[in-house]
Amino acid sequence: MTRVRRGDDRGIAALEMGILTSVLLLVAFGALPLYSMLRASQEVSKSTAATLRYATSVASNARRNSDGSLSRRPTFDEIQRFARDAAGDSSLAVTVTVCKGATCTEIDETSANRARPIPAAAGDEVTLRVSKTVDLSVLGRVANAAANLTGGDSPFPENDTTVASTASAREE
């Protein structure tokens, strides 16, 4: 009669725990940047819709601008503040483009006329672009490493991505 000798099982549970913990940490650190991207996408979309309505509206009462003129249209600074308040995020980038036929004027943070009312009249097309940069941390590094292994270019060379939303409407 032969005796079958069983091996020593001590340490198997520790090995399984190590493997499982590594996989769970990889999933967790990969899911956090995805959650950040989804949240940023929702913030940007919500902010764009509300801000476009504000940017194309005309106030019932005129107010005096910094140069002394009267206007019923919002300034770029007011539009940007409204967008950031709507999203609850002060890091949003906002660009307003006003098109009168084929001529378009783009206004952003660096524009000299950002404190003046947007140059829109009834019938002009106003395009609003709201964007936010999201840090991908571990997920971006893994995606870049996988792309480099397959011989492709890094999809996230700065290890971040920009989530943007654009909407257009006719001025009231």
Protein backbone atom coordinates (compact mmCIF):
# COMPACT_ATOMS: atom_id res chain seq x y z
CA MET A 1 0.00 0.00 0.00
CA THR A 2 1.39 3.35 -1.01
CA ARG A 3 0.97 6.38 1.07
CA VAL A 4 0.22 9.67 -0.61
CA ARG A 5 1.89 12.51 1.14
CA ARG A 6 0.14 15.85 1.06
CA GLY A 7 2.19 18.98 0.49
CA ASP A 8 2.45 21.81 2.92
CA ASP A 9 -0.38 24.37 2.36
CA ARG A 10 0.97 27.02 4.65
CA GLY A 11 1.54 30.35 2.88
CA ILE A 12 -0.97 29.73 0.05
CA ALA A 13 -3.49 32.12 1.60
CA ALA A 14 -0.85 34.86 1.87
CA LEU A 15 0.11 34.35 -1.78
CA GLU A 16 -3.54 34.50 -2.89
CA MET A 17 -4.07 37.62 -0.79
CA GLY A 18 -1.04 39.30 -2.39
CA ILE A 19 -2.25 38.56 -5.92
CA LEU A 20 -5.82 39.62 -5.15
CA THR A 21 -4.70 42.84 -3.45
CA SER A 22 -2.52 43.77 -6.44
CA VAL A 23 -5.40 43.27 -8.85
CA LEU A 24 -7.84 45.24 -6.66
CA LEU A 25 -5.39 48.13 -6.28
CA LEU A 26 -4.86 48.23 -10.04
CA VAL A 27 -8.63 48.32 -10.61
CA ALA A 28 -9.12 50.99 -7.93
CA PHE A 29 -6.36 53.29 -9.22
CA GLY A 30 -7.59 52.77 -12.78
CA ALA A 31 -11.21 53.50 -11.86
CA LEU A 32 -10.51 56.76 -10.01
CA PRO A 33 -9.25 58.62 -13.11
CA LEU A 34 -12.20 57.26 -15.11
CA TYR A 35 -14.54 58.55 -12.42
CA SER A 36 -12.80 61.94 -12.59
CA MET A 37 -13.26 62.03 -16.37
CA LEU A 38 -16.95 61.15 -16.11
CA ARG A 39 -17.52 63.73 -13.38
CA ALA A 40 -15.68 66.40 -15.38
CA SER A 41 -17.77 65.53 -18.43
CA GLN A 42 -20.98 65.98 -16.45
CA GLU A 43 -19.77 69.28 -14.95
CA VAL A 44 -18.75 70.64 -18.33
CA SER A 45 -21.98 69.57 -20.07
CA LYS A 46 -24.22 70.97 -17.35
CA SER A 47 -22.28 74.20 -17.23
CA THR A 48 -22.30 74.62 -21.02
CA ALA A 49 -26.07 74.31 -21.32
CA ALA A 50 -26.84 76.76 -18.52
CA THR A 51 -24.15 79.22 -19.55
CA LEU A 52 -25.23 79.30 -23.20
CA ARG A 53 -28.73 80.30 -22.12
CA TYR A 54 -27.20 83.06 -19.98
CA ALA A 55 -24.79 84.24 -22.72
CA THR A 56 -27.52 84.58 -25.34
CA SER A 57 -30.06 86.27 -23.10
CA VAL A 58 -30.74 89.97 -23.00
CA ALA A 59 -31.32 91.65 -19.64
CA SER A 60 -34.56 93.57 -19.30
CA ASN A 61 -32.75 96.56 -17.82
CA ALA A 62 -29.59 98.09 -19.26
CA ARG A 63 -26.58 98.55 -17.02
CA ARG A 64 -23.58 100.81 -17.24
CA ASN A 65 -20.31 99.25 -18.39
CA SER A 66 -16.83 100.19 -17.23
CA ASP A 67 -16.48 102.58 -20.20
CA GLY A 68 -19.73 104.35 -19.29
CA SER A 69 -21.88 102.93 -22.09
CA LEU A 70 -25.17 101.14 -21.48
CA SER A 71 -25.64 97.50 -22.41
CA ARG A 72 -28.10 94.68 -21.83
CA ARG A 73 -25.65 91.90 -22.81
CA PRO A 74 -23.29 90.04 -20.44
CA THR A 75 -19.52 90.49 -20.58
CA PHE A 76 -17.10 87.59 -21.07
CA ASP A 77 -16.04 87.88 -17.42
CA GLU A 78 -19.68 87.49 -16.32
CA ILE A 79 -20.18 84.54 -18.66
CA GLN A 80 -17.03 82.84 -17.37
CA ARG A 81 -18.05 83.43 -13.74
CA PHE A 82 -21.53 82.05 -14.48
CA ALA A 83 -20.03 78.90 -16.09
CA ARG A 84 -17.69 78.28 -13.18
CA ASP A 85 -20.48 78.83 -10.65
CA ALA A 86 -22.83 76.50 -12.56
CA ALA A 87 -20.23 73.72 -12.47
CA GLY A 88 -18.93 74.53 -9.01
CA ASP A 89 -15.39 74.46 -10.42
CA SER A 90 -13.10 77.47 -10.76
CA SER A 91 -10.67 75.67 -13.09
CA LEU A 92 -12.97 75.58 -16.13
CA ALA A 93 -11.72 77.21 -19.32
CA VAL A 94 -14.38 79.16 -21.23
CA THR A 95 -14.29 80.48 -24.81
CA VAL A 96 -17.08 82.50 -26.44
CA THR A 97 -17.25 82.90 -30.21
CA VAL A 98 -19.69 85.35 -31.80
CA CYS A 99 -20.29 84.98 -35.55
CA LYS A 100 -21.93 87.71 -37.64
CA GLY A 101 -22.31 85.94 -40.96
CA ALA A 102 -18.82 84.77 -42.00
CA THR A 103 -16.97 87.04 -39.53
CA CYS A 104 -16.30 85.47 -36.15
CA THR A 105 -14.89 87.02 -32.97
CA GLU A 106 -13.40 84.72 -30.35
CA ILE A 107 -13.17 85.90 -26.74
CA ASP A 108 -11.29 84.08 -23.99
CA GLU A 109 -9.35 84.89 -20.81
CA THR A 110 -6.54 86.55 -22.74
CA SER A 111 -8.73 88.83 -24.88
CA ALA A 112 -8.42 92.57 -24.42
CA ASN A 113 -12.19 93.09 -24.71
CA ARG A 114 -13.18 90.52 -22.10
CA ALA A 115 -14.65 93.17 -19.77
CA ARG A 116 -16.94 94.56 -22.49
CA PRO A 117 -20.33 93.08 -23.38
CA ILE A 118 -20.07 90.35 -25.99
CA PRO A 119 -20.44 91.85 -29.48
CA ALA A 120 -23.62 90.00 -30.40
CA ALA A 121 -26.80 91.32 -31.92
CA ALA A 122 -30.10 89.63 -32.60
CA GLY A 123 -29.62 86.79 -35.09
CA ASP A 124 -25.87 86.34 -34.52
CA GLU A 125 -24.60 82.87 -33.66
CA VAL A 126 -22.96 82.49 -30.25
CA THR A 127 -20.78 79.41 -29.67
CA LEU A 128 -19.66 78.53 -26.17
CA ARG A 129 -16.85 76.07 -25.40
CA VAL A 130 -16.27 74.96 -21.83
CA SER A 131 -13.38 72.62 -21.03
CA LYS A 132 -11.56 71.08 -18.10
CA THR A 133 -8.24 69.25 -17.87
CA VAL A 134 -8.30 65.96 -15.95
CA ASP A 135 -5.18 64.28 -14.53
CA LEU A 136 -5.20 60.58 -15.43
CA SER A 137 -2.42 59.62 -12.98
CA VAL A 138 -1.89 55.82 -13.01
CA LEU A 139 -4.37 55.15 -15.80
CA GLY A 140 -2.59 57.58 -18.13
CA ARG A 141 0.79 56.01 -17.40
CA VAL A 142 -0.57 52.50 -18.04
CA ALA A 143 -2.20 53.61 -21.33
CA ASN A 144 1.03 55.31 -22.45
CA ALA A 145 3.11 52.24 -21.53
CA ALA A 146 0.73 49.93 -23.42
CA ALA A 147 0.87 52.20 -26.48
CA ASN A 148 4.67 52.28 -26.36
CA LEU A 149 4.82 48.46 -26.15
CA THR A 150 2.68 48.13 -29.27
CA GLY A 151 4.78 50.70 -31.14
CA GLY A 152 2.17 53.46 -31.11
CA ASP A 153 2.36 57.04 -29.93
CA SER A 154 1.46 57.88 -26.35
CA PRO A 155 -2.22 58.85 -26.26
CA PHE A 156 -1.68 61.01 -23.16
CA PRO A 157 1.80 62.57 -23.47
CA GLU A 158 1.09 65.04 -20.66
CA ASN A 159 -0.57 62.29 -18.58
CA ASP A 160 -3.83 64.22 -18.67
CA THR A 161 -6.74 64.80 -21.00
CA THR A 162 -9.13 67.64 -21.69
CA VAL A 163 -12.88 67.15 -21.46
CA ALA A 164 -14.79 69.75 -23.46
CA SER A 165 -18.34 70.62 -24.41
CA THR A 166 -19.40 73.00 -27.16
CA ALA A 167 -22.84 74.45 -27.82
CA SER A 168 -24.21 77.06 -30.23
CA ALA A 169 -27.33 79.20 -30.31
CA ARG A 170 -28.72 82.26 -32.02
CA GLU A 171 -28.69 85.50 -30.07
CA GLU A 172 -32.12 86.64 -28.89
